[in-house]
């Protein structure tokens, strides 16, 4: 079977003595920083529901929500038995293991706590955050590709690749599919909505984000190899797909209720 050679890239971007700076960490930093800068631009435009100063303060809350939520989500959703047997490995973030859906729940909690503390409308803040999330998704998926992880199922498409840890057969580069759909396409959709004044209908952008990500992830999961410890679940779906179903339904509810949400 024809396959494109996997571009071997060292997961460590920079080594300074015993300190290793990985592309995965840089992806998180790039996504947060670029998203934050874009959020400041949005905060200066009408409607001014969140101030740039408040967004500056929120970044710390956001980062904690992403990291803590992402790790706890991975532990609970994807490998609970392993971590119950080895609880001391839960803080070992450097070994990998983060869940987008867990990170999303962490960010939603951070938004709720921050909005309550500062007297903001919950969905006024979440709408700004939603537009910026695709930055992190794009760079995060590129980092997954560099690490040769979360690869796709065996495929015979012309662009299939043999991944270092995926056996001898060529597979879908599903990380790149996700980078394109969850990062570039989703950002373009949200950007067009914001340009059209969608933030005036509080909750609309948040709803579209949930639907857009849910549909993109659900679709790509058909080309992505399921997690080894879970495999396929009922109806031949994966854990990622089951977690996307409530996202899509909640997103539809937010869209229908937009303008009336707190």
C-alpha atoms as a PDB file:
ATOM      1  CA  UNK A   1       0.000   0.000   0.000  1.00  0.00           C
ATOM      2  CA  UNK A   2       1.240   3.460  -0.915  1.00  0.00           C
ATOM      3  CA  UNK A   3       1.956   5.735   2.028  1.00  0.00           C
ATOM      4  CA  UNK A   4       3.517   9.145   2.558  1.00  0.00           C
ATOM      5  CA  UNK A   5       6.560   8.940   4.856  1.00  0.00           C
ATOM      6  CA  UNK A   6       5.801  10.356   8.282  1.00  0.00           C
ATOM      7  CA  UNK A   7       7.843  13.552   8.771  1.00  0.00           C
ATOM      8  CA  UNK A   8       9.847  12.615  11.848  1.00  0.00           C
ATOM      9  CA  UNK A   9      10.050  15.665  14.107  1.00  0.00           C
ATOM     10  CA  UNK A  10      11.567  15.574  17.563  1.00  0.00           C
ATOM     11  CA  UNK A  11       8.712  16.153  20.075  1.00  0.00           C
ATOM     12  CA  UNK A  12      11.241  18.156  22.115  1.00  0.00           C
ATOM     13  CA  UNK A  13      11.554  21.603  20.557  1.00  0.00           C
ATOM     14  CA  UNK A  14      14.386  22.745  22.833  1.00  0.00           C
ATOM     15  CA  UNK A  15      16.556  21.011  25.413  1.00  0.00           C
ATOM     16  CA  UNK A  16      18.378  23.109  28.026  1.00  0.00           C
ATOM     17  CA  UNK A  17      20.223  20.748  30.332  1.00  0.00           C
ATOM     18  CA  UNK A  18      17.637  18.599  32.097  1.00  0.00           C
ATOM     19  CA  UNK A  19      14.794  20.923  31.019  1.00  0.00           C
ATOM     20  CA  UNK A  20      12.943  19.827  27.871  1.00  0.00           C
ATOM     21  CA  UNK A  21      10.542  22.197  26.143  1.00  0.00           C
ATOM     22  CA  UNK A  22       8.121  20.168  24.031  1.00  0.00           C
ATOM     23  CA  UNK A  23       6.133  21.228  21.001  1.00  0.00           C
ATOM     24  CA  UNK A  24       2.992  20.143  22.854  1.00  0.00           C
ATOM     25  CA  UNK A  25       3.627  22.700  25.601  1.00  0.00           C
ATOM     26  CA  UNK A  26       4.416  25.381  23.024  1.00  0.00           C
ATOM     27  CA  UNK A  27       1.144  24.570  21.261  1.00  0.00           C
ATOM     28  CA  UNK A  28      -0.793  25.248  24.474  1.00  0.00           C
ATOM     29  CA  UNK A  29       1.099  28.511  24.979  1.00  0.00           C
ATOM     30  CA  UNK A  30       0.570  29.637  21.370  1.00  0.00           C
ATOM     31  CA  UNK A  31      -3.130  28.846  21.494  1.00  0.00           C
ATOM     32  CA  UNK A  32      -3.684  30.689  24.773  1.00  0.00           C
ATOM     33  CA  UNK A  33      -1.604  33.741  23.818  1.00  0.00           C
ATOM     34  CA  UNK A  34      -3.092  34.167  20.324  1.00  0.00           C
ATOM     35  CA  UNK A  35      -6.603  33.541  21.637  1.00  0.00           C
ATOM     36  CA  UNK A  36      -6.062  36.085  24.411  1.00  0.00           C
ATOM     37  CA  UNK A  37      -4.824  38.745  21.970  1.00  0.00           C
ATOM     38  CA  UNK A  38      -7.788  38.183  19.685  1.00  0.00           C
ATOM     39  CA  UNK A  39     -10.157  38.279  22.668  1.00  0.00           C
ATOM     40  CA  UNK A  40      -8.802  41.726  23.550  1.00  0.00           C
ATOM     41  CA  UNK A  41      -9.641  42.906  20.025  1.00  0.00           C
ATOM     42  CA  UNK A  42     -13.206  41.610  20.416  1.00  0.00           C
ATOM     43  CA  UNK A  43     -13.583  43.248  23.831  1.00  0.00           C
ATOM     44  CA  UNK A  44     -12.855  46.655  22.289  1.00  0.00           C
ATOM     45  CA  UNK A  45     -15.655  46.266  19.751  1.00  0.00           C
ATOM     46  CA  UNK A  46     -19.371  46.740  20.221  1.00  0.00           C
ATOM     47  CA  UNK A  47     -21.132  45.405  22.162  1.00  0.00           C
ATOM     48  CA  UNK A  48     -18.662  46.116  24.983  1.00  0.00           C
ATOM     49  CA  UNK A  49     -19.919  43.480  27.395  1.00  0.00           C
ATOM     50  CA  UNK A  50     -16.458  42.447  28.682  1.00  0.00           C
ATOM     51  CA  UNK A  51     -13.610  44.910  29.188  1.00  0.00           C
ATOM     52  CA  UNK A  52     -10.010  44.231  28.065  1.00  0.00           C
ATOM     53  CA  UNK A  53      -8.908  44.479  31.707  1.00  0.00           C
ATOM     54  CA  UNK A  54     -11.386  41.785  32.716  1.00  0.00           C
ATOM     55  CA  UNK A  55     -10.161  39.566  29.875  1.00  0.00           C
ATOM     56  CA  UNK A  56      -6.560  40.064  31.019  1.00  0.00           C
ATOM     57  CA  UNK A  57      -7.554  38.895  34.486  1.00  0.00           C
ATOM     58  CA  UNK A  58      -9.496  35.944  33.103  1.00  0.00           C
ATOM     59  CA  UNK A  59      -6.513  34.372  31.309  1.00  0.00           C
ATOM     60  CA  UNK A  60      -5.161  32.825  34.523  1.00  0.00           C
ATOM     61  CA  UNK A  61      -8.582  31.331  35.283  1.00  0.00           C
ATOM     62  CA  UNK A  62      -8.834  30.069  31.711  1.00  0.00           C
ATOM     63  CA  UNK A  63      -5.423  28.393  31.817  1.00  0.00           C
ATOM     64  CA  UNK A  64      -6.227  26.609  35.064  1.00  0.00           C
ATOM     65  CA  UNK A  65      -9.557  25.464  33.643  1.00  0.00           C
ATOM     66  CA  UNK A  66      -7.896  24.049  30.524  1.00  0.00           C
ATOM     67  CA  UNK A  67      -5.095  22.209  32.312  1.00  0.00           C
ATOM     68  CA  UNK A  68      -6.994  20.901  35.337  1.00  0.00           C
ATOM     69  CA  UNK A  69     -10.168  20.127  33.424  1.00  0.00           C
ATOM     70  CA  UNK A  70      -8.295  18.512  30.552  1.00  0.00           C
ATOM     71  CA  UNK A  71      -6.352  16.214  32.852  1.00  0.00           C
ATOM     72  CA  UNK A  72      -9.260  15.284  35.094  1.00  0.00           C
ATOM     73  CA  UNK A  73     -11.387  14.664  32.006  1.00  0.00           C
ATOM     74  CA  UNK A  74      -8.804  12.264  30.592  1.00  0.00           C
ATOM     75  CA  UNK A  75      -8.596  10.409  33.902  1.00  0.00           C
ATOM     76  CA  UNK A  76     -12.381  10.098  34.240  1.00  0.00           C
ATOM     77  CA  UNK A  77     -13.471   9.621  30.617  1.00  0.00           C
ATOM     78  CA  UNK A  78     -10.646   7.655  29.050  1.00  0.00           C
ATOM     79  CA  UNK A  79      -8.627   5.703  31.629  1.00  0.00           C
ATOM     80  CA  UNK A  80     -10.324   5.576  35.046  1.00  0.00           C
ATOM     81  CA  UNK A  81      -9.267   2.008  35.901  1.00  0.00           C
ATOM     82  CA  UNK A  82      -5.583   2.708  35.291  1.00  0.00           C
ATOM     83  CA  UNK A  83      -5.559   5.847  37.425  1.00  0.00           C
ATOM     84  CA  UNK A  84      -7.547   4.224  40.202  1.00  0.00           C
ATOM     85  CA  UNK A  85      -4.752   1.663  40.375  1.00  0.00           C
ATOM     86  CA  UNK A  86      -2.001   4.303  39.970  1.00  0.00           C
ATOM     87  CA  UNK A  87      -3.326   7.573  41.491  1.00  0.00           C
ATOM     88  CA  UNK A  88       0.155   9.081  41.837  1.00  0.00           C
ATOM     89  CA  UNK A  89       0.341   9.248  38.022  1.00  0.00           C
ATOM     90  CA  UNK A  90      -2.597  11.650  37.778  1.00  0.00           C
ATOM     91  CA  UNK A  91      -0.433  14.825  38.131  1.00  0.00           C
ATOM     92  CA  UNK A  92       2.134  13.493  35.587  1.00  0.00           C
ATOM     93  CA  UNK A  93       1.055  15.778  32.749  1.00  0.00           C
ATOM     94  CA  UNK A  94       4.419  15.370  31.014  1.00  0.00           C
ATOM     95  CA  UNK A  95       3.479  11.780  30.182  1.00  0.00           C
ATOM     96  CA  UNK A  96       0.534  12.975  28.098  1.00  0.00           C
ATOM     97  CA  UNK A  97      -3.163  12.425  28.486  1.00  0.00           C
ATOM     98  CA  UNK A  98      -5.513  15.399  28.099  1.00  0.00           C
ATOM     99  CA  UNK A  99      -9.199  15.465  27.166  1.00  0.00           C
ATOM    100  CA  UNK A 100     -10.748  18.305  25.175  1.00  0.00           C
ATOM    101  CA  UNK A 101     -14.162  17.655  26.694  1.00  0.00           C
ATOM    102  CA  UNK A 102     -12.661  17.749  30.177  1.00  0.00           C
ATOM    103  CA  UNK A 103     -10.852  20.976  29.331  1.00  0.00           C
ATOM    104  CA  UNK A 104     -14.132  22.395  28.031  1.00  0.00           C
ATOM    105  CA  UNK A 105     -15.881  21.609  31.317  1.00  0.00           C
ATOM    106  CA  UNK A 106     -12.980  23.198  33.187  1.00  0.00           C
ATOM    107  CA  UNK A 107     -13.234  26.365  31.095  1.00  0.00           C
ATOM    108  CA  UNK A 108     -17.019  26.512  31.516  1.00  0.00           C
ATOM    109  CA  UNK A 109     -16.558  26.317  35.285  1.00  0.00           C
ATOM    110  CA  UNK A 110     -13.867  29.012  35.158  1.00  0.00           C
ATOM    111  CA  UNK A 111     -16.192  31.254  33.125  1.00  0.00           C
ATOM    112  CA  UNK A 112     -18.980  30.748  35.661  1.00  0.00           C
ATOM    113  CA  UNK A 113     -16.811  31.549  38.676  1.00  0.00           C
ATOM    114  CA  UNK A 114     -15.160  34.556  37.010  1.00  0.00           C
ATOM    115  CA  UNK A 115     -18.452  35.969  35.685  1.00  0.00           C
ATOM    116  CA  UNK A 116     -20.067  35.627  39.105  1.00  0.00           C
ATOM    117  CA  UNK A 117     -17.131  37.285  40.845  1.00  0.00           C
ATOM    118  CA  UNK A 118     -17.023  40.225  38.411  1.00  0.00           C
ATOM    119  CA  UNK A 119     -20.755  40.622  37.859  1.00  0.00           C
ATOM    120  CA  UNK A 120     -20.635  39.687  34.165  1.00  0.00           C
ATOM    121  CA  UNK A 121     -23.195  37.916  32.026  1.00  0.00           C
ATOM    122  CA  UNK A 122     -22.039  34.310  31.713  1.00  0.00           C
ATOM    123  CA  UNK A 123     -22.688  34.052  27.986  1.00  0.00           C
ATOM    124  CA  UNK A 124     -21.254  37.480  27.215  1.00  0.00           C
ATOM    125  CA  UNK A 125     -17.897  36.097  28.388  1.00  0.00           C
ATOM    126  CA  UNK A 126     -18.371  32.620  26.919  1.00  0.00           C
ATOM    127  CA  UNK A 127     -19.130  34.088  23.471  1.00  0.00           C
ATOM    128  CA  UNK A 128     -15.758  35.851  23.423  1.00  0.00           C
ATOM    129  CA  UNK A 129     -13.941  32.759  24.646  1.00  0.00           C
ATOM    130  CA  UNK A 130     -15.674  30.521  22.085  1.00  0.00           C
ATOM    131  CA  UNK A 131     -14.366  32.531  19.129  1.00  0.00           C
ATOM    132  CA  UNK A 132     -10.801  32.153  20.420  1.00  0.00           C
ATOM    133  CA  UNK A 133     -10.805  28.418  21.218  1.00  0.00           C
ATOM    134  CA  UNK A 134     -10.011  27.352  17.609  1.00  0.00           C
ATOM    135  CA  UNK A 135      -6.518  28.825  18.008  1.00  0.00           C
ATOM    136  CA  UNK A 136      -5.734  26.283  20.712  1.00  0.00           C
ATOM    137  CA  UNK A 137      -7.442  23.461  18.828  1.00  0.00           C
ATOM    138  CA  UNK A 138      -5.407  24.126  15.698  1.00  0.00           C
ATOM    139  CA  UNK A 139      -2.020  24.192  17.413  1.00  0.00           C
ATOM    140  CA  UNK A 140      -2.939  21.344  19.750  1.00  0.00           C
ATOM    141  CA  UNK A 141      -3.784  19.035  16.849  1.00  0.00           C
ATOM    142  CA  UNK A 142      -0.566  19.959  15.069  1.00  0.00           C
ATOM    143  CA  UNK A 143       1.304  18.991  18.244  1.00  0.00           C
ATOM    144  CA  UNK A 144      -0.567  15.660  18.301  1.00  0.00           C
ATOM    145  CA  UNK A 145       0.637  15.095  14.740  1.00  0.00           C
ATOM    146  CA  UNK A 146       4.242  15.940  15.629  1.00  0.00           C
ATOM    147  CA  UNK A 147       4.049  13.492  18.533  1.00  0.00           C
ATOM    148  CA  UNK A 148       2.651  10.807  16.218  1.00  0.00           C
ATOM    149  CA  UNK A 149      -0.288  10.273  18.596  1.00  0.00           C
ATOM    150  CA  UNK A 150      -4.062  10.110  18.134  1.00  0.00           C
ATOM    151  CA  UNK A 151      -3.509   8.825  14.603  1.00  0.00           C
ATOM    152  CA  UNK A 152      -6.239   7.563  12.320  1.00  0.00           C
ATOM    153  CA  UNK A 153      -7.534   4.207  11.251  1.00  0.00           C
ATOM    154  CA  UNK A 154      -5.897   2.087   8.562  1.00  0.00           C
ATOM    155  CA  UNK A 155      -6.583   3.671   5.158  1.00  0.00           C
ATOM    156  CA  UNK A 156      -5.726   3.398   1.472  1.00  0.00           C
ATOM    157  CA  UNK A 157      -6.112   7.103   0.638  1.00  0.00           C
ATOM    158  CA  UNK A 158      -3.158   8.668  -1.254  1.00  0.00           C
ATOM    159  CA  UNK A 159      -2.200  10.818   1.747  1.00  0.00           C
ATOM    160  CA  UNK A 160      -2.170   7.981   4.309  1.00  0.00           C
ATOM    161  CA  UNK A 161       0.916   7.763   6.548  1.00  0.00           C
ATOM    162  CA  UNK A 162       2.717   5.086   8.525  1.00  0.00           C
ATOM    163  CA  UNK A 163       2.941   6.444  12.066  1.00  0.00           C
ATOM    164  CA  UNK A 164       5.843   5.413  14.346  1.00  0.00           C
ATOM    165  CA  UNK A 165       3.529   3.883  16.955  1.00  0.00           C
ATOM    166  CA  UNK A 166       0.718   2.833  14.641  1.00  0.00           C
ATOM    167  CA  UNK A 167       2.083  -0.400  13.218  1.00  0.00           C
ATOM    168  CA  UNK A 168       3.254  -1.084   9.645  1.00  0.00           C
ATOM    169  CA  UNK A 169       0.046  -0.091   7.815  1.00  0.00           C
ATOM    170  CA  UNK A 170      -0.708   3.425   6.508  1.00  0.00           C
ATOM    171  CA  UNK A 171      -3.324   5.393   8.411  1.00  0.00           C
ATOM    172  CA  UNK A 172      -5.403   8.542   8.135  1.00  0.00           C
ATOM    173  CA  UNK A 173      -3.549  11.626   9.458  1.00  0.00           C
ATOM    174  CA  UNK A 174      -6.660  12.377  11.509  1.00  0.00           C
ATOM    175  CA  UNK A 175      -4.844  14.981  13.594  1.00  0.00           C
ATOM    176  CA  UNK A 176      -4.555  17.145  10.457  1.00  0.00           C
ATOM    177  CA  UNK A 177      -8.229  16.618   9.654  1.00  0.00           C
ATOM    178  CA  UNK A 178      -9.071  17.915  13.120  1.00  0.00           C
ATOM    179  CA  UNK A 179      -6.647  20.838  12.855  1.00  0.00           C
ATOM    180  CA  UNK A 180      -8.409  21.889   9.659  1.00  0.00           C
ATOM    181  CA  UNK A 181     -12.024  21.396  10.771  1.00  0.00           C
ATOM    182  CA  UNK A 182     -11.794  22.322  14.463  1.00  0.00           C
ATOM    183  CA  UNK A 183      -9.197  25.032  13.943  1.00  0.00           C
ATOM    184  CA  UNK A 184      -9.460  26.733  10.545  1.00  0.00           C
ATOM    185  CA  UNK A 185     -13.048  25.998   9.463  1.00  0.00           C
ATOM    186  CA  UNK A 186     -14.604  26.545  12.904  1.00  0.00           C
ATOM    187  CA  UNK A 187     -12.687  29.797  13.381  1.00  0.00           C
ATOM    188  CA  UNK A 188     -13.866  31.039   9.968  1.00  0.00           C
ATOM    189  CA  UNK A 189     -17.508  30.281  10.819  1.00  0.00           C
ATOM    190  CA  UNK A 190     -17.298  32.025  14.210  1.00  0.00           C
ATOM    191  CA  UNK A 191     -15.399  34.978  12.723  1.00  0.00           C
ATOM    192  CA  UNK A 192     -18.129  35.490  10.112  1.00  0.00           C
ATOM    193  CA  UNK A 193     -20.780  35.343  12.823  1.00  0.00           C
ATOM    194  CA  UNK A 194     -19.002  37.942  14.932  1.00  0.00           C
ATOM    195  CA  UNK A 195     -18.479  40.172  11.895  1.00  0.00           C
ATOM    196  CA  UNK A 196     -22.220  39.955  11.314  1.00  0.00           C
ATOM    197  CA  UNK A 197     -22.997  41.179  14.828  1.00  0.00           C
ATOM    198  CA  UNK A 198     -23.848  37.818  16.411  1.00  0.00           C
ATOM    199  CA  UNK A 199     -22.484  38.871  19.813  1.00  0.00           C
ATOM    200  CA  UNK A 200     -25.549  41.097  20.223  1.00  0.00           C
ATOM    201  CA  UNK A 201     -27.557  37.872  20.614  1.00  0.00           C
ATOM    202  CA  UNK A 202     -25.868  36.648  23.757  1.00  0.00           C
ATOM    203  CA  UNK A 203     -25.271  32.894  23.661  1.00  0.00           C
ATOM    204  CA  UNK A 204     -25.489  32.474  19.875  1.00  0.00           C
ATOM    205  CA  UNK A 205     -21.736  32.254  19.318  1.00  0.00           C
ATOM    206  CA  UNK A 206     -21.347  29.812  22.206  1.00  0.00           C
ATOM    207  CA  UNK A 207     -24.078  27.612  20.743  1.00  0.00           C
ATOM    208  CA  UNK A 208     -22.563  27.603  17.259  1.00  0.00           C
ATOM    209  CA  UNK A 209     -19.167  26.732  18.716  1.00  0.00           C
ATOM    210  CA  UNK A 210     -20.553  23.711  20.562  1.00  0.00           C
ATOM    211  CA  UNK A 211     -22.405  22.503  17.470  1.00  0.00           C
ATOM    212  CA  UNK A 212     -19.473  23.174  15.145  1.00  0.00           C
ATOM    213  CA  UNK A 213     -16.899  21.422  17.283  1.00  0.00           C
ATOM    214  CA  UNK A 214     -19.272  18.562  18.050  1.00  0.00           C
ATOM    215  CA  UNK A 215     -20.006  17.906  14.375  1.00  0.00           C
ATOM    216  CA  UNK A 216     -16.353  18.225  13.346  1.00  0.00           C
ATOM    217  CA  UNK A 217     -15.078  15.889  16.067  1.00  0.00           C
ATOM    218  CA  UNK A 218     -17.930  13.407  15.595  1.00  0.00           C
ATOM    219  CA  UNK A 219     -17.157  13.200  11.871  1.00  0.00           C
ATOM    220  CA  UNK A 220     -13.383  12.851  12.204  1.00  0.00           C
ATOM    221  CA  UNK A 221     -13.788  10.091  14.794  1.00  0.00           C
ATOM    222  CA  UNK A 222     -14.878   7.820  11.933  1.00  0.00           C
ATOM    223  CA  UNK A 223     -11.335   8.160  10.569  1.00  0.00           C
ATOM    224  CA  UNK A 224      -9.533   8.228  13.929  1.00  0.00           C
ATOM    225  CA  UNK A 225      -8.312   5.127  15.737  1.00  0.00           C
ATOM    226  CA  UNK A 226     -10.241   4.753  19.013  1.00  0.00           C
ATOM    227  CA  UNK A 227      -8.342   4.798  22.281  1.00  0.00           C
ATOM    228  CA  UNK A 228      -6.719   1.411  22.804  1.00  0.00           C
ATOM    229  CA  UNK A 229      -8.011   0.964  26.345  1.00  0.00           C
ATOM    230  CA  UNK A 230     -11.612   1.714  25.291  1.00  0.00           C
ATOM    231  CA  UNK A 231     -11.986   0.598  21.682  1.00  0.00           C
ATOM    232  CA  UNK A 232     -15.417   0.866  20.095  1.00  0.00           C
ATOM    233  CA  UNK A 233     -18.433   1.343  22.324  1.00  0.00           C
ATOM    234  CA  UNK A 234     -22.131   0.695  21.713  1.00  0.00           C
ATOM    235  CA  UNK A 235     -23.303   1.107  18.096  1.00  0.00           C
ATOM    236  CA  UNK A 236     -19.669   1.106  16.973  1.00  0.00           C
ATOM    237  CA  UNK A 237     -19.128   4.674  18.185  1.00  0.00           C
ATOM    238  CA  UNK A 238     -16.192   5.980  20.199  1.00  0.00           C
ATOM    239  CA  UNK A 239     -16.002   7.774  23.531  1.00  0.00           C
ATOM    240  CA  UNK A 240     -15.211  11.016  21.684  1.00  0.00           C
ATOM    241  CA  UNK A 241     -18.395  10.692  19.649  1.00  0.00           C
ATOM    242  CA  UNK A 242     -20.559  10.000  22.682  1.00  0.00           C
ATOM    243  CA  UNK A 243     -19.129  13.060  24.414  1.00  0.00           C
ATOM    244  CA  UNK A 244     -19.924  15.181  21.341  1.00  0.00           C
ATOM    245  CA  UNK A 245     -23.623  14.281  21.262  1.00  0.00           C
ATOM    246  CA  UNK A 246     -24.583  16.301  24.374  1.00  0.00           C
ATOM    247  CA  UNK A 247     -22.367  19.154  23.114  1.00  0.00           C
ATOM    248  CA  UNK A 248     -24.398  19.386  19.914  1.00  0.00           C
ATOM    249  CA  UNK A 249     -27.742  19.197  21.739  1.00  0.00           C
ATOM    250  CA  UNK A 250     -26.727  21.855  24.268  1.00  0.00           C
ATOM    251  CA  UNK A 251     -25.424  24.033  21.435  1.00  0.00           C
ATOM    252  CA  UNK A 252     -28.801  23.825  19.675  1.00  0.00           C
ATOM    253  CA  UNK A 253     -30.524  24.833  22.926  1.00  0.00           C
ATOM    254  CA  UNK A 254     -28.199  27.828  23.313  1.00  0.00           C
ATOM    255  CA  UNK A 255     -28.876  28.926  19.736  1.00  0.00           C
ATOM    256  CA  UNK A 256     -32.641  28.711  20.239  1.00  0.00           C
ATOM    257  CA  UNK A 257     -32.384  30.628  23.529  1.00  0.00           C
ATOM    258  CA  UNK A 258     -29.793  33.164  22.335  1.00  0.00           C
ATOM    259  CA  UNK A 259     -30.610  36.694  23.400  1.00  0.00           C
ATOM    260  CA  UNK A 260     -32.492  35.396  26.437  1.00  0.00           C
ATOM    261  CA  UNK A 261     -29.584  33.700  28.190  1.00  0.00           C
ATOM    262  CA  UNK A 262     -28.027  35.174  31.382  1.00  0.00           C
END
